[in-house]
């Protein structure tokens, strides 16, 4: 079950770092794009749509 007493979070450490040149370029290219689908684009799970000529 439990130990019978509570432990509280006393501190949290957050760190930030700089990206390499390729990472900075990719981040800058992503900024003007819409937020919808951003995670899929980053992970590469986006499906490319067919051009209209192929569908007809």
N, C-alpha and C. Protein backbone atom coordinates (compact mmCIF):
# COMPACT_ATOMS: atom_id res chain seq x y z
N UNK A 1 0.83 -1.19 0.00
CA UNK A 1 0.00 0.00 0.00
C UNK A 1 0.86 1.24 0.00
N UNK A 2 1.30 1.62 1.13
CA UNK A 2 2.12 2.81 1.25
C UNK A 2 2.94 2.73 2.50
N UNK A 3 3.70 3.75 2.72
CA UNK A 3 4.57 3.77 3.90
C UNK A 3 3.90 4.43 5.09
N UNK A 4 2.74 5.05 4.88
CA UNK A 4 2.05 5.68 5.98
C UNK A 4 2.40 7.15 6.17
N UNK A 5 3.30 7.66 5.38
CA UNK A 5 3.63 9.07 5.44
C UNK A 5 3.85 9.58 4.02
N UNK A 6 3.77 10.89 3.87
CA UNK A 6 3.88 11.48 2.55
C UNK A 6 5.24 12.13 2.37
N UNK A 7 5.72 12.05 1.15
CA UNK A 7 6.94 12.76 0.79
C UNK A 7 6.55 13.85 -0.21
N UNK A 8 7.02 15.02 0.01
CA UNK A 8 6.69 16.15 -0.84
C UNK A 8 7.85 16.47 -1.76
N UNK A 9 7.52 16.98 -2.94
CA UNK A 9 8.55 17.43 -3.87
C UNK A 9 9.18 18.68 -3.29
N UNK A 10 10.48 18.65 -3.13
CA UNK A 10 11.16 19.80 -2.53
C UNK A 10 11.85 20.68 -3.57
N UNK A 11 12.21 20.11 -4.73
CA UNK A 11 12.83 20.92 -5.76
C UNK A 11 12.71 20.23 -7.11
N UNK A 12 12.82 21.04 -8.16
CA UNK A 12 12.76 20.54 -9.53
C UNK A 12 13.90 21.23 -10.29
N UNK A 13 14.64 20.46 -11.07
CA UNK A 13 15.74 21.01 -11.85
C UNK A 13 15.36 20.98 -13.33
N UNK A 14 15.38 22.14 -13.97
CA UNK A 14 15.06 22.24 -15.39
C UNK A 14 16.28 22.81 -16.10
N UNK A 15 16.66 22.18 -17.21
CA UNK A 15 17.81 22.65 -17.95
C UNK A 15 17.46 22.93 -19.40
N UNK A 16 18.10 23.92 -19.96
CA UNK A 16 17.91 24.28 -21.36
C UNK A 16 19.27 24.25 -22.05
N UNK A 17 19.26 23.90 -23.32
CA UNK A 17 20.50 23.88 -24.08
C UNK A 17 20.25 24.41 -25.48
N UNK A 18 21.31 24.67 -26.19
CA UNK A 18 21.16 25.17 -27.56
C UNK A 18 21.19 24.01 -28.54
N UNK A 19 20.52 24.19 -29.65
CA UNK A 19 20.49 23.18 -30.70
C UNK A 19 21.71 23.36 -31.61
N UNK A 20 22.03 22.31 -32.34
CA UNK A 20 23.09 22.44 -33.33
C UNK A 20 22.54 23.21 -34.53
N UNK A 21 23.36 23.50 -35.49
CA UNK A 21 22.96 24.32 -36.63
C UNK A 21 21.80 23.70 -37.40
N UNK A 22 21.85 22.38 -37.64
CA UNK A 22 20.77 21.71 -38.36
C UNK A 22 19.46 21.78 -37.57
N UNK A 23 19.55 21.62 -36.26
CA UNK A 23 18.37 21.70 -35.41
C UNK A 23 17.76 23.09 -35.40
N UNK A 24 18.61 24.12 -35.39
CA UNK A 24 18.11 25.49 -35.44
C UNK A 24 17.42 25.78 -36.76
N UNK A 25 17.98 25.30 -37.86
CA UNK A 25 17.37 25.51 -39.17
C UNK A 25 16.02 24.81 -39.25
N UNK A 26 15.95 23.59 -38.73
CA UNK A 26 14.69 22.84 -38.75
C UNK A 26 13.63 23.53 -37.89
N UNK A 27 14.02 24.05 -36.73
CA UNK A 27 13.08 24.75 -35.86
C UNK A 27 12.58 26.03 -36.51
N UNK A 28 13.46 26.77 -37.16
CA UNK A 28 13.05 28.01 -37.84
C UNK A 28 12.13 27.72 -39.02
N UNK A 29 12.36 26.60 -39.72
CA UNK A 29 11.51 26.23 -40.84
C UNK A 29 10.13 25.78 -40.36
N UNK A 30 10.04 25.25 -39.15
CA UNK A 30 8.78 24.74 -38.62
C UNK A 30 7.90 25.86 -38.06
N UNK A 31 8.47 26.98 -37.66
CA UNK A 31 7.70 28.04 -37.01
C UNK A 31 6.55 28.59 -37.86
N UNK A 32 6.72 28.89 -39.15
CA UNK A 32 5.58 29.44 -39.90
C UNK A 32 4.52 28.40 -40.26
N UNK A 33 4.80 27.14 -40.08
CA UNK A 33 3.83 26.09 -40.42
C UNK A 33 2.77 25.99 -39.33
N UNK A 34 1.57 25.49 -39.65
CA UNK A 34 0.51 25.39 -38.64
C UNK A 34 0.87 24.37 -37.56
N UNK A 35 0.30 24.57 -36.38
CA UNK A 35 0.57 23.68 -35.25
C UNK A 35 -0.06 22.31 -35.45
N UNK A 36 -1.16 22.26 -36.20
CA UNK A 36 -1.85 21.01 -36.43
C UNK A 36 -0.93 20.06 -37.20
N UNK A 37 -0.68 18.91 -36.66
CA UNK A 37 0.15 17.91 -37.32
C UNK A 37 1.64 18.08 -37.08
N UNK A 38 2.02 18.98 -36.20
CA UNK A 38 3.45 19.24 -35.97
C UNK A 38 4.16 18.01 -35.43
N UNK A 39 3.55 17.32 -34.48
CA UNK A 39 4.18 16.13 -33.90
C UNK A 39 4.35 15.04 -34.95
N UNK A 40 3.36 14.89 -35.83
CA UNK A 40 3.46 13.89 -36.90
C UNK A 40 4.56 14.26 -37.89
N UNK A 41 4.71 15.54 -38.19
CA UNK A 41 5.78 15.96 -39.11
C UNK A 41 7.15 15.71 -38.50
N UNK A 42 7.29 15.98 -37.22
CA UNK A 42 8.58 15.81 -36.56
C UNK A 42 8.96 14.34 -36.48
N UNK A 43 7.98 13.46 -36.19
CA UNK A 43 8.29 12.03 -36.08
C UNK A 43 8.32 11.34 -37.43
N UNK A 44 7.88 12.03 -38.50
CA UNK A 44 7.91 11.44 -39.83
C UNK A 44 6.72 10.55 -40.12
N UNK A 45 5.63 10.71 -39.38
CA UNK A 45 4.45 9.87 -39.56
C UNK A 45 3.42 10.49 -40.50
N UNK A 46 3.80 11.51 -41.25
CA UNK A 46 2.88 12.19 -42.15
C UNK A 46 2.78 11.41 -43.46
N UNK A 47 1.54 11.23 -43.92
CA UNK A 47 1.32 10.57 -45.20
C UNK A 47 1.20 11.64 -46.28
N UNK A 48 1.93 11.48 -47.35
CA UNK A 48 1.89 12.44 -48.46
C UNK A 48 0.62 12.20 -49.28
N UNK A 49 -0.04 13.28 -49.63
CA UNK A 49 -1.26 13.17 -50.46
C UNK A 49 -0.86 13.03 -51.91
N UNK A 50 -1.71 12.39 -52.67
CA UNK A 50 -1.48 12.22 -54.11
C UNK A 50 -1.84 13.51 -54.83
N UNK A 51 -1.16 13.84 -55.90
CA UNK A 51 -1.55 15.02 -56.68
C UNK A 51 -2.91 14.79 -57.34
N UNK A 52 -3.66 15.85 -57.64
CA UNK A 52 -5.00 15.70 -58.22
C UNK A 52 -4.99 14.92 -59.54
N UNK A 53 -3.92 14.99 -60.29
CA UNK A 53 -3.88 14.28 -61.57
C UNK A 53 -3.95 12.76 -61.38
N UNK A 54 -3.40 12.26 -60.33
CA UNK A 54 -3.37 10.83 -60.07
C UNK A 54 -4.74 10.34 -59.59
N UNK A 55 -5.44 11.18 -58.83
CA UNK A 55 -6.75 10.79 -58.27
C UNK A 55 -7.80 10.69 -59.36
N UNK A 56 -7.78 11.56 -60.35
CA UNK A 56 -8.82 11.58 -61.39
C UNK A 56 -8.69 10.44 -62.35
